[in-house]
Protein backbone atom coordinates (compact mmCIF):
# COMPACT_ATOMS: atom_id res chain seq x y z
CA MET A 1 21.64 -18.96 -1.06
CA THR A 2 24.25 -17.27 -3.20
CA VAL A 3 25.75 -15.01 -0.51
CA ASP A 4 27.59 -16.20 2.58
CA PRO A 5 25.48 -15.41 5.69
CA ALA A 6 28.63 -13.96 7.34
CA ASP A 7 28.98 -11.42 4.52
CA PRO A 8 28.72 -7.78 5.69
CA VAL A 9 26.15 -7.12 2.96
CA VAL A 10 23.83 -9.73 4.51
CA HIS A 11 24.37 -8.23 7.95
CA ALA A 12 23.57 -4.74 6.62
CA ALA A 13 20.38 -6.00 4.95
CA TRP A 14 19.17 -7.70 8.14
CA TYR A 15 20.03 -4.60 10.16
CA ARG A 16 18.02 -2.40 7.78
CA LEU A 17 15.11 -4.84 7.89
CA ALA A 18 15.14 -4.70 11.70
CA GLU A 19 15.09 -0.88 11.55
CA LEU A 20 12.07 -0.98 9.25
CA VAL A 21 10.24 -3.42 11.53
CA ASP A 22 10.93 -1.25 14.58
CA GLY A 23 9.78 1.90 12.79
CA TYR A 24 6.61 0.26 11.50
CA THR A 25 5.85 -1.14 14.95
CA ASP A 26 6.32 2.29 16.52
CA LEU A 27 4.06 3.90 13.89
CA THR A 28 1.26 1.38 14.25
CA THR A 29 1.40 1.60 18.03
CA ALA A 30 1.17 5.40 17.90
CA VAL A 31 -1.74 5.30 15.44
CA THR A 32 -3.71 2.76 17.47
CA GLN A 33 -3.15 4.79 20.63
CA ARG A 34 -4.26 7.92 18.75
CA ALA A 35 -0.94 9.59 19.48
CA ARG A 36 -0.37 10.01 15.75
CA ARG A 37 -2.74 10.54 12.85
CA LEU A 38 -2.37 9.36 9.32
CA PRO A 39 -2.83 11.84 6.47
CA PRO A 40 -6.34 11.93 4.97
CA ARG A 41 -7.08 9.68 2.02
CA ARG A 42 -6.79 11.28 -1.36
CA SER A 43 -9.38 10.73 -4.02
CA PRO A 44 -8.44 8.12 -6.63
CA PRO A 45 -6.55 9.44 -9.64
CA MET A 46 -8.59 10.52 -12.63
CA THR A 47 -8.56 8.23 -15.61
CA TYR A 48 -8.16 9.66 -19.06
CA GLY A 49 -9.90 8.57 -22.20
CA SER A 50 -13.49 8.33 -23.28
CA PRO A 51 -16.05 7.30 -20.67
CA ARG A 52 -17.76 3.95 -20.99
CA LYS A 53 -21.02 4.02 -22.86
CA GLU A 54 -24.00 2.98 -20.80
CA SER A 55 -26.46 0.58 -22.32
CA THR A 56 -29.61 2.31 -23.54
CA THR A 57 -31.68 -0.84 -23.82
CA ASN A 58 -33.75 -2.11 -20.94
CA SER A 59 -33.24 -5.82 -20.51
CA THR A 60 -36.52 -6.30 -18.61
CA THR A 61 -38.83 -5.26 -21.44
CA PRO A 62 -39.16 -7.13 -24.73
CA PRO A 63 -38.11 -5.27 -27.93
């Protein structure tokens, strides 16, 4: 480790991590108890460019 564990920067990082864990735990508990709802899923983003060409040959019949 390159930073001394007693360094205030390390303490601040661990404190922030603990806040994130607490917040995530509270959110997941509320969602599972149906006290909070997540936003609806959005459709996947559109892709740009030319569409893929579909094969016009039928592989089950001989040429």
